[in-house]
mmCIF file of all heavy atoms, coordinates in Angstrom:
data_MODEL
# 
_entry.id   MODEL 
# 
loop_
_atom_site.group_PDB 
_atom_site.id 
_atom_site.type_symbol 
_atom_site.label_atom_id 
_atom_site.label_alt_id 
_atom_site.label_comp_id 
_atom_site.label_asym_id 
_atom_site.label_entity_id 
_atom_site.label_seq_id 
_atom_site.pdbx_PDB_ins_code 
_atom_site.Cartn_x 
_atom_site.Cartn_y 
_atom_site.Cartn_z 
_atom_site.occupancy 
_atom_site.B_iso_or_equiv 
_atom_site.pdbx_formal_charge 
_atom_site.auth_seq_id 
_atom_site.auth_comp_id 
_atom_site.auth_asym_id 
_atom_site.auth_atom_id 
_atom_site.pdbx_PDB_model_num 
ATOM 1   N N   . LEU A 1 1  ? 11.965  -1.647 -7.361  1.00 0.00 ? 1  LEU A N   1 
ATOM 2   C CA  . LEU A 1 1  ? 12.602  -2.680 -8.171  1.00 0.00 ? 1  LEU A CA  1 
ATOM 3   C C   . LEU A 1 1  ? 13.956  -2.209 -8.683  1.00 0.00 ? 1  LEU A C   1 
ATOM 4   O O   . LEU A 1 1  ? 14.916  -2.980 -8.747  1.00 0.00 ? 1  LEU A O   1 
ATOM 5   C CB  . LEU A 1 1  ? 11.688  -3.036 -9.353  1.00 0.00 ? 1  LEU A CB  1 
ATOM 6   C CG  . LEU A 1 1  ? 12.212  -4.050 -10.374 1.00 0.00 ? 1  LEU A CG  1 
ATOM 7   C CD1 . LEU A 1 1  ? 12.410  -5.416 -9.722  1.00 0.00 ? 1  LEU A CD1 1 
ATOM 8   C CD2 . LEU A 1 1  ? 11.232  -4.152 -11.547 1.00 0.00 ? 1  LEU A CD2 1 
ATOM 9   N N   . ALA A 1 2  ? 14.061  -0.942 -9.022  1.00 0.00 ? 2  ALA A N   1 
ATOM 10  C CA  . ALA A 1 2  ? 15.302  -0.407 -9.589  1.00 0.00 ? 2  ALA A CA  1 
ATOM 11  C C   . ALA A 1 2  ? 16.419  -0.290 -8.563  1.00 0.00 ? 2  ALA A C   1 
ATOM 12  O O   . ALA A 1 2  ? 17.594  -0.518 -8.875  1.00 0.00 ? 2  ALA A O   1 
ATOM 13  C CB  . ALA A 1 2  ? 15.024  0.972  -10.210 1.00 0.00 ? 2  ALA A CB  1 
ATOM 14  N N   . LEU A 1 3  ? 16.044  0.051  -7.302  1.00 0.00 ? 3  LEU A N   1 
ATOM 15  C CA  . LEU A 1 3  ? 17.073  0.355  -6.304  1.00 0.00 ? 3  LEU A CA  1 
ATOM 16  C C   . LEU A 1 3  ? 17.086  -0.578 -5.096  1.00 0.00 ? 3  LEU A C   1 
ATOM 17  O O   . LEU A 1 3  ? 18.028  -0.545 -4.311  1.00 0.00 ? 3  LEU A O   1 
ATOM 18  C CB  . LEU A 1 3  ? 16.906  1.805  -5.824  1.00 0.00 ? 3  LEU A CB  1 
ATOM 19  C CG  . LEU A 1 3  ? 17.186  2.873  -6.889  1.00 0.00 ? 3  LEU A CG  1 
ATOM 20  C CD1 . LEU A 1 3  ? 16.770  4.248  -6.386  1.00 0.00 ? 3  LEU A CD1 1 
ATOM 21  C CD2 . LEU A 1 3  ? 18.660  2.867  -7.267  1.00 0.00 ? 3  LEU A CD2 1 
ATOM 22  N N   . GLY A 1 4  ? 16.034  -1.376 -4.938  1.00 0.00 ? 4  GLY A N   1 
ATOM 23  C CA  . GLY A 1 4  ? 15.995  -2.310 -3.818  1.00 0.00 ? 4  GLY A CA  1 
ATOM 24  C C   . GLY A 1 4  ? 15.665  -1.649 -2.495  1.00 0.00 ? 4  GLY A C   1 
ATOM 25  O O   . GLY A 1 4  ? 15.272  -0.486 -2.426  1.00 0.00 ? 4  GLY A O   1 
ATOM 26  N N   . GLY A 1 5  ? 15.777  -2.396 -1.417  1.00 0.00 ? 5  GLY A N   1 
ATOM 27  C CA  . GLY A 1 5  ? 15.475  -1.883 -0.093  1.00 0.00 ? 5  GLY A CA  1 
ATOM 28  C C   . GLY A 1 5  ? 14.026  -2.087 0.296   1.00 0.00 ? 5  GLY A C   1 
ATOM 29  O O   . GLY A 1 5  ? 13.291  -2.873 -0.321  1.00 0.00 ? 5  GLY A O   1 
ATOM 30  N N   . VAL A 1 6  ? 13.621  -1.399 1.343   1.00 0.00 ? 6  VAL A N   1 
ATOM 31  C CA  . VAL A 1 6  ? 12.253  -1.523 1.869   1.00 0.00 ? 6  VAL A CA  1 
ATOM 32  C C   . VAL A 1 6  ? 11.519  -0.201 1.704   1.00 0.00 ? 6  VAL A C   1 
ATOM 33  O O   . VAL A 1 6  ? 12.061  0.859  2.026   1.00 0.00 ? 6  VAL A O   1 
ATOM 34  C CB  . VAL A 1 6  ? 12.271  -1.910 3.364   1.00 0.00 ? 6  VAL A CB  1 
ATOM 35  C CG1 . VAL A 1 6  ? 10.844  -1.951 3.923   1.00 0.00 ? 6  VAL A CG1 1 
ATOM 36  C CG2 . VAL A 1 6  ? 12.959  -3.259 3.548   1.00 0.00 ? 6  VAL A CG2 1 
ATOM 37  N N   . LYS A 1 7  ? 10.314  -0.261 1.185   1.00 0.00 ? 7  LYS A N   1 
ATOM 38  C CA  . LYS A 1 7  ? 9.471   0.927  1.062   1.00 0.00 ? 7  LYS A CA  1 
ATOM 39  C C   . LYS A 1 7  ? 8.132   0.656  1.758   1.00 0.00 ? 7  LYS A C   1 
ATOM 40  O O   . LYS A 1 7  ? 7.465   -0.335 1.481   1.00 0.00 ? 7  LYS A O   1 
ATOM 41  C CB  . LYS A 1 7  ? 9.218   1.286  -0.405  1.00 0.00 ? 7  LYS A CB  1 
ATOM 42  C CG  . LYS A 1 7  ? 8.367   2.545  -0.555  1.00 0.00 ? 7  LYS A CG  1 
ATOM 43  C CD  . LYS A 1 7  ? 9.082   3.782  0.000   1.00 0.00 ? 7  LYS A CD  1 
ATOM 44  C CE  . LYS A 1 7  ? 8.160   4.990  0.099   1.00 0.00 ? 7  LYS A CE  1 
ATOM 45  N NZ  . LYS A 1 7  ? 7.652   5.415  -1.200  1.00 0.00 ? 7  LYS A NZ  1 
ATOM 46  N N   . ILE A 1 8  ? 7.747   1.555  2.657   1.00 0.00 ? 8  ILE A N   1 
ATOM 47  C CA  . ILE A 1 8  ? 6.499   1.434  3.418   1.00 0.00 ? 8  ILE A CA  1 
ATOM 48  C C   . ILE A 1 8  ? 5.627   2.640  3.108   1.00 0.00 ? 8  ILE A C   1 
ATOM 49  O O   . ILE A 1 8  ? 6.068   3.787  3.267   1.00 0.00 ? 8  ILE A O   1 
ATOM 50  C CB  . ILE A 1 8  ? 6.783   1.386  4.937   1.00 0.00 ? 8  ILE A CB  1 
ATOM 51  C CG1 . ILE A 1 8  ? 7.727   0.230  5.264   1.00 0.00 ? 8  ILE A CG1 1 
ATOM 52  C CG2 . ILE A 1 8  ? 5.483   1.265  5.722   1.00 0.00 ? 8  ILE A CG2 1 
ATOM 53  C CD1 . ILE A 1 8  ? 8.349   0.334  6.656   1.00 0.00 ? 8  ILE A CD1 1 
ATOM 54  N N   . ASN A 1 9  ? 4.409   2.396  2.649   1.00 0.00 ? 9  ASN A N   1 
ATOM 55  C CA  . ASN A 1 9  ? 3.473   3.482  2.360   1.00 0.00 ? 9  ASN A CA  1 
ATOM 56  C C   . ASN A 1 9  ? 2.261   3.404  3.280   1.00 0.00 ? 9  ASN A C   1 
ATOM 57  O O   . ASN A 1 9  ? 1.644   2.343  3.413   1.00 0.00 ? 9  ASN A O   1 
ATOM 58  C CB  . ASN A 1 9  ? 3.004   3.427  0.905   1.00 0.00 ? 9  ASN A CB  1 
ATOM 59  C CG  . ASN A 1 9  ? 4.098   3.823  -0.063  1.00 0.00 ? 9  ASN A CG  1 
ATOM 60  O OD1 . ASN A 1 9  ? 4.949   4.648  0.245   1.00 0.00 ? 9  ASN A OD1 1 
ATOM 61  N ND2 . ASN A 1 9  ? 4.086   3.226  -1.244  1.00 0.00 ? 9  ASN A ND2 1 
ATOM 62  N N   . ILE A 1 10 ? 1.928   4.535  3.901   1.00 0.00 ? 10 ILE A N   1 
ATOM 63  C CA  . ILE A 1 10 ? 0.775   4.611  4.793   1.00 0.00 ? 10 ILE A CA  1 
ATOM 64  C C   . ILE A 1 10 ? -0.412  5.174  4.015   1.00 0.00 ? 10 ILE A C   1 
ATOM 65  O O   . ILE A 1 10 ? -0.305  6.222  3.375   1.00 0.00 ? 10 ILE A O   1 
ATOM 66  C CB  . ILE A 1 10 ? 1.065   5.511  6.008   1.00 0.00 ? 10 ILE A CB  1 
ATOM 67  C CG1 . ILE A 1 10 ? 2.382   5.089  6.679   1.00 0.00 ? 10 ILE A CG1 1 
ATOM 68  C CG2 . ILE A 1 10 ? -0.094  5.467  6.999   1.00 0.00 ? 10 ILE A CG2 1 
ATOM 69  C CD1 . ILE A 1 10 ? 2.421   3.658  7.176   1.00 0.00 ? 10 ILE A CD1 1 
ATOM 70  N N   . VAL A 1 11 ? -1.548  4.478  4.097   1.00 0.00 ? 11 VAL A N   1 
ATOM 71  C CA  . VAL A 1 11 ? -2.750  4.836  3.336   1.00 0.00 ? 11 VAL A CA  1 
ATOM 72  C C   . VAL A 1 11 ? -3.892  5.135  4.300   1.00 0.00 ? 11 VAL A C   1 
ATOM 73  O O   . VAL A 1 11 ? -3.979  4.539  5.377   1.00 0.00 ? 11 VAL A O   1 
ATOM 74  C CB  . VAL A 1 11 ? -3.141  3.689  2.373   1.00 0.00 ? 11 VAL A CB  1 
ATOM 75  C CG1 . VAL A 1 11 ? -4.317  4.090  1.500   1.00 0.00 ? 11 VAL A CG1 1 
ATOM 76  C CG2 . VAL A 1 11 ? -1.950  3.296  1.505   1.00 0.00 ? 11 VAL A CG2 1 
ATOM 77  N N   . MET A 1 12 ? -4.782  6.035  3.916   1.00 0.00 ? 12 MET A N   1 
ATOM 78  C CA  . MET A 1 12 ? -5.923  6.393  4.756   1.00 0.00 ? 12 MET A CA  1 
ATOM 79  C C   . MET A 1 12 ? -6.820  5.195  5.059   1.00 0.00 ? 12 MET A C   1 
ATOM 80  O O   . MET A 1 12 ? -6.968  4.288  4.240   1.00 0.00 ? 12 MET A O   1 
ATOM 81  C CB  . MET A 1 12 ? -6.764  7.482  4.086   1.00 0.00 ? 12 MET A CB  1 
ATOM 82  C CG  . MET A 1 12 ? -6.252  8.891  4.309   1.00 0.00 ? 12 MET A CG  1 
ATOM 83  S SD  . MET A 1 12 ? -7.405  10.107 3.619   1.00 0.00 ? 12 MET A SD  1 
ATOM 84  C CE  . MET A 1 12 ? -6.615  11.613 4.175   1.00 0.00 ? 12 MET A CE  1 
ATOM 85  N N   . GLY A 1 13 ? -7.456  5.238  6.214   1.00 0.00 ? 13 GLY A N   1 
ATOM 86  C CA  . GLY A 1 13 ? -8.396  4.195  6.625   1.00 0.00 ? 13 GLY A CA  1 
ATOM 87  C C   . GLY A 1 13 ? -8.303  3.970  8.118   1.00 0.00 ? 13 GLY A C   1 
ATOM 88  O O   . GLY A 1 13 ? -7.441  3.223  8.585   1.00 0.00 ? 13 GLY A O   1 
ATOM 89  N N   . ARG A 1 14 ? -9.170  4.657  8.868   1.00 0.00 ? 14 ARG A N   1 
ATOM 90  C CA  . ARG A 1 14 ? -9.127  4.537  10.327  1.00 0.00 ? 14 ARG A CA  1 
ATOM 91  C C   . ARG A 1 14 ? -9.683  3.196  10.804  1.00 0.00 ? 14 ARG A C   1 
ATOM 92  O O   . ARG A 1 14 ? -9.079  2.518  11.630  1.00 0.00 ? 14 ARG A O   1 
ATOM 93  C CB  . ARG A 1 14 ? -9.920  5.681  10.973  1.00 0.00 ? 14 ARG A CB  1 
ATOM 94  C CG  . ARG A 1 14 ? -9.946  5.632  12.508  1.00 0.00 ? 14 ARG A CG  1 
ATOM 95  C CD  . ARG A 1 14 ? -10.735 6.779  13.068  1.00 0.00 ? 14 ARG A CD  1 
ATOM 96  N NE  . ARG A 1 14 ? -10.061 8.047  12.853  1.00 0.00 ? 14 ARG A NE  1 
ATOM 97  C CZ  . ARG A 1 14 ? -9.169  8.573  13.684  1.00 0.00 ? 14 ARG A CZ  1 
ATOM 98  N NH1 . ARG A 1 14 ? -8.850  7.941  14.806  1.00 0.00 ? 14 ARG A NH1 1 
ATOM 99  N NH2 . ARG A 1 14 ? -8.599  9.722  13.414  1.00 0.00 ? 14 ARG A NH2 1 
ATOM 100 N N   . HIS A 1 15 ? -10.860 2.823  10.289  1.00 0.00 ? 15 HIS A N   1 
ATOM 101 C CA  . HIS A 1 15 ? -11.514 1.593  10.743  1.00 0.00 ? 15 HIS A CA  1 
ATOM 102 C C   . HIS A 1 15 ? -11.659 0.545  9.643   1.00 0.00 ? 15 HIS A C   1 
ATOM 103 O O   . HIS A 1 15 ? -11.783 -0.640 9.932   1.00 0.00 ? 15 HIS A O   1 
ATOM 104 C CB  . HIS A 1 15 ? -12.903 1.910  11.308  1.00 0.00 ? 15 HIS A CB  1 
ATOM 105 C CG  . HIS A 1 15 ? -12.896 2.851  12.470  1.00 0.00 ? 15 HIS A CG  1 
ATOM 106 N ND1 . HIS A 1 15 ? -12.274 2.534  13.661  1.00 0.00 ? 15 HIS A ND1 1 
ATOM 107 C CD2 . HIS A 1 15 ? -13.394 4.098  12.618  1.00 0.00 ? 15 HIS A CD2 1 
ATOM 108 C CE1 . HIS A 1 15 ? -12.413 3.553  14.514  1.00 0.00 ? 15 HIS A CE1 1 
ATOM 109 N NE2 . HIS A 1 15 ? -13.077 4.509  13.899  1.00 0.00 ? 15 HIS A NE2 1 
ATOM 110 N N   . ALA A 1 16 ? -11.705 0.989  8.398   1.00 0.00 ? 16 ALA A N   1 
ATOM 111 C CA  . ALA A 1 16 ? -11.903 0.081  7.270   1.00 0.00 ? 16 ALA A CA  1 
ATOM 112 C C   . ALA A 1 16 ? -10.690 0.097  6.352   1.00 0.00 ? 16 ALA A C   1 
ATOM 113 O O   . ALA A 1 16 ? -10.128 1.157  6.060   1.00 0.00 ? 16 ALA A O   1 
ATOM 114 C CB  . ALA A 1 16 ? -13.159 0.477  6.496   1.00 0.00 ? 16 ALA A CB  1 
ATOM 115 N N   . GLY A 1 17 ? -10.290 -1.078 5.868   1.00 0.00 ? 17 GLY A N   1 
ATOM 116 C CA  . GLY A 1 17 ? -9.065  -1.186 5.083   1.00 0.00 ? 17 GLY A CA  1 
ATOM 117 C C   . GLY A 1 17 ? -9.257  -1.222 3.580   1.00 0.00 ? 17 GLY A C   1 
ATOM 118 O O   . GLY A 1 17 ? -8.317  -1.536 2.852   1.00 0.00 ? 17 GLY A O   1 
ATOM 119 N N   . PHE A 1 18 ? -10.443 -0.870 3.091   1.00 0.00 ? 18 PHE A N   1 
ATOM 120 C CA  . PHE A 1 18 ? -10.711 -0.952 1.653   1.00 0.00 ? 18 PHE A CA  1 
ATOM 121 C C   . PHE A 1 18 ? -9.692  -0.185 0.811   1.00 0.00 ? 18 PHE A C   1 
ATOM 122 O O   . PHE A 1 18 ? -9.263  -0.658 -0.239  1.00 0.00 ? 18 PHE A O   1 
ATOM 123 C CB  . PHE A 1 18 ? -12.110 -0.406 1.345   1.00 0.00 ? 18 PHE A CB  1 
ATOM 124 C CG  . PHE A 1 18 ? -13.237 -1.275 1.799   1.00 0.00 ? 18 PHE A CG  1 
ATOM 125 C CD1 . PHE A 1 18 ? -13.922 -0.988 2.973   1.00 0.00 ? 18 PHE A CD1 1 
ATOM 126 C CD2 . PHE A 1 18 ? -13.631 -2.380 1.048   1.00 0.00 ? 18 PHE A CD2 1 
ATOM 127 C CE1 . PHE A 1 18 ? -14.977 -1.788 3.391   1.00 0.00 ? 18 PHE A CE1 1 
ATOM 128 C CE2 . PHE A 1 18 ? -14.686 -3.180 1.466   1.00 0.00 ? 18 PHE A CE2 1 
ATOM 129 C CZ  . PHE A 1 18 ? -15.360 -2.882 2.639   1.00 0.00 ? 18 PHE A CZ  1 
ATOM 130 N N   . LEU A 1 19 ? -9.320  1.008  1.245   1.00 0.00 ? 19 LEU A N   1 
ATOM 131 C CA  . LEU A 1 19 ? -8.429  1.830  0.434   1.00 0.00 ? 19 LEU A CA  1 
ATOM 132 C C   . LEU A 1 19 ? -7.005  1.270  0.428   1.00 0.00 ? 19 LEU A C   1 
ATOM 133 O O   . LEU A 1 19 ? -6.359  1.214  -0.619  1.00 0.00 ? 19 LEU A O   1 
ATOM 134 C CB  . LEU A 1 19 ? -8.441  3.268  0.949   1.00 0.00 ? 19 LEU A CB  1 
ATOM 135 C CG  . LEU A 1 19 ? -7.875  4.328  -0.006  1.00 0.00 ? 19 LEU A CG  1 
ATOM 136 C CD1 . LEU A 1 19 ? -8.589  4.276  -1.355  1.00 0.00 ? 19 LEU A CD1 1 
ATOM 137 C CD2 . LEU A 1 19 ? -8.004  5.708  0.601   1.00 0.00 ? 19 LEU A CD2 1 
ATOM 138 N N   . THR A 1 20 ? -6.528  0.848  1.575   1.00 0.00 ? 20 THR A N   1 
ATOM 139 C CA  . THR A 1 20 ? -5.196  0.230  1.635   1.00 0.00 ? 20 THR A CA  1 
ATOM 140 C C   . THR A 1 20 ? -5.164  -1.045 0.799   1.00 0.00 ? 20 THR A C   1 
ATOM 141 O O   . THR A 1 20 ? -4.185  -1.319 0.085   1.00 0.00 ? 20 THR A O   1 
ATOM 142 C CB  . THR A 1 20 ? -4.812  -0.088 3.084   1.00 0.00 ? 20 THR A CB  1 
ATOM 143 O OG1 . THR A 1 20 ? -4.912  1.099  3.870   1.00 0.00 ? 20 THR A OG1 1 
ATOM 144 C CG2 . THR A 1 20 ? -3.401  -0.632 3.180   1.00 0.00 ? 20 THR A CG2 1 
ATOM 145 N N   . ALA A 1 21 ? -6.240  -1.814 0.872   1.00 0.00 ? 21 ALA A N   1 
ATOM 146 C CA  . ALA A 1 21 ? -6.325  -3.063 0.109   1.00 0.00 ? 21 ALA A CA  1 
ATOM 147 C C   . ALA A 1 21 ? -6.253  -2.814 -1.388  1.00 0.00 ? 21 ALA A C   1 
ATOM 148 O O   . ALA A 1 21 ? -5.767  -3.663 -2.149  1.00 0.00 ? 21 ALA A O   1 
ATOM 149 C CB  . ALA A 1 21 ? -7.632  -3.787 0.457   1.00 0.00 ? 21 ALA A CB  1 
ATOM 150 N N   . ALA A 1 22 ? -6.705  -1.635 -1.835  1.00 0.00 ? 22 ALA A N   1 
ATOM 151 C CA  . ALA A 1 22 ? -6.700  -1.321 -3.262  1.00 0.00 ? 22 ALA A CA  1 
ATOM 152 C C   . ALA A 1 22 ? -5.291  -1.295 -3.845  1.00 0.00 ? 22 ALA A C   1 
ATOM 153 O O   . ALA A 1 22 ? -5.115  -1.385 -5.059  1.00 0.00 ? 22 ALA A O   1 
ATOM 154 C CB  . ALA A 1 22 ? -7.382  0.029  -3.498  1.00 0.00 ? 22 ALA A CB  1 
ATOM 155 N N   . SER A 1 23 ? -4.279  -1.206 -2.989  1.00 0.00 ? 23 SER A N   1 
ATOM 156 C CA  . SER A 1 23 ? -2.893  -1.248 -3.480  1.00 0.00 ? 23 SER A CA  1 
ATOM 157 C C   . SER A 1 23 ? -2.622  -2.533 -4.253  1.00 0.00 ? 23 SER A C   1 
ATOM 158 O O   . SER A 1 23 ? -1.786  -2.561 -5.161  1.00 0.00 ? 23 SER A O   1 
ATOM 159 C CB  . SER A 1 23 ? -1.916  -1.126 -2.309  1.00 0.00 ? 23 SER A CB  1 
ATOM 160 O OG  . SER A 1 23 ? -2.107  -2.190 -1.379  1.00 0.00 ? 23 SER A OG  1 
ATOM 161 N N   . ALA A 1 24 ? -3.342  -3.596 -3.910  1.00 0.00 ? 24 ALA A N   1 
ATOM 162 C CA  . ALA A 1 24 ? -3.144  -4.891 -4.562  1.00 0.00 ? 24 ALA A CA  1 
ATOM 163 C C   . ALA A 1 24 ? -3.592  -4.881 -6.015  1.00 0.00 ? 24 ALA A C   1 
ATOM 164 O O   . ALA A 1 24 ? -3.195  -5.754 -6.800  1.00 0.00 ? 24 ALA A O   1 
ATOM 165 C CB  . ALA A 1 24 ? -3.898  -5.981 -3.802  1.00 0.00 ? 24 ALA A CB  1 
ATOM 166 N N   . LEU A 1 25 ? -4.413  -3.910 -6.414  1.00 0.00 ? 25 LEU A N   1 
ATOM 167 C CA  . LEU A 1 25 ? -4.871  -3.842 -7.801  1.00 0.00 ? 25 LEU A CA  1 
ATOM 168 C C   . LEU A 1 25 ? -3.709  -3.577 -8.750  1.00 0.00 ? 25 LEU A C   1 
ATOM 169 O O   . LEU A 1 25 ? -3.798  -3.864 -9.943  1.00 0.00 ? 25 LEU A O   1 
ATOM 170 C CB  . LEU A 1 25 ? -5.928  -2.747 -7.949  1.00 0.00 ? 25 LEU A CB  1 
ATOM 171 C CG  . LEU A 1 25 ? -7.238  -2.972 -7.187  1.00 0.00 ? 25 LEU A CG  1 
ATOM 172 C CD1 . LEU A 1 25 ? -8.137  -1.750 -7.309  1.00 0.00 ? 25 LEU A CD1 1 
ATOM 173 C CD2 . LEU A 1 25 ? -7.949  -4.219 -7.700  1.00 0.00 ? 25 LEU A CD2 1 
ATOM 174 N N   . ALA A 1 26 ? -2.621  -3.023 -8.240  1.00 0.00 ? 26 ALA A N   1 
ATOM 175 C CA  . ALA A 1 26 ? -1.439  -2.763 -9.075  1.00 0.00 ? 26 ALA A CA  1 
ATOM 176 C C   . ALA A 1 26 ? -0.812  -4.059 -9.565  1.00 0.00 ? 26 ALA A C   1 
ATOM 177 O O   . ALA A 1 26 ? -0.050  -4.055 -10.538 1.00 0.00 ? 26 ALA A O   1 
ATOM 178 C CB  . ALA A 1 26 ? -0.413  -1.953 -8.294  1.00 0.00 ? 26 ALA A CB  1 
ATOM 179 N N   . ARG A 1 27 ? -1.126  -5.155 -8.920  1.00 0.00 ? 27 ARG A N   1 
ATOM 180 C CA  . ARG A 1 27 ? -0.530  -6.435 -9.318  1.00 0.00 ? 27 ARG A CA  1 
ATOM 181 C C   . ARG A 1 27 ? -0.973  -6.870 -10.706 1.00 0.00 ? 27 ARG A C   1 
ATOM 182 O O   . ARG A 1 27 ? -0.284  -7.644 -11.370 1.00 0.00 ? 27 ARG A O   1 
ATOM 183 C CB  . ARG A 1 27 ? -0.872  -7.511 -8.283  1.00 0.00 ? 27 ARG A CB  1 
ATOM 184 C CG  . ARG A 1 27 ? -0.201  -7.270 -6.934  1.00 0.00 ? 27 ARG A CG  1 
ATOM 185 C CD  . ARG A 1 27 ? -0.707  -8.217 -5.883  1.00 0.00 ? 27 ARG A CD  1 
ATOM 186 N NE  . ARG A 1 27 ? -0.099  -7.938 -4.578  1.00 0.00 ? 27 ARG A NE  1 
ATOM 187 C CZ  . ARG A 1 27 ? -0.558  -8.410 -3.431  1.00 0.00 ? 27 ARG A CZ  1 
ATOM 188 N NH1 . ARG A 1 27 ? -1.635  -9.193 -3.413  1.00 0.00 ? 27 ARG A NH1 1 
ATOM 189 N NH2 . ARG A 1 27 ? 0.046   -8.108 -2.294  1.00 0.00 ? 27 ARG A NH2 1 
# 
């Protein structure tokens, strides 16, 4: 938010996306 641009974060999860999905809890 402070500097703009695109930020991409890779999260663990080979077959299941539960951990990546948890990023939405920050909302």
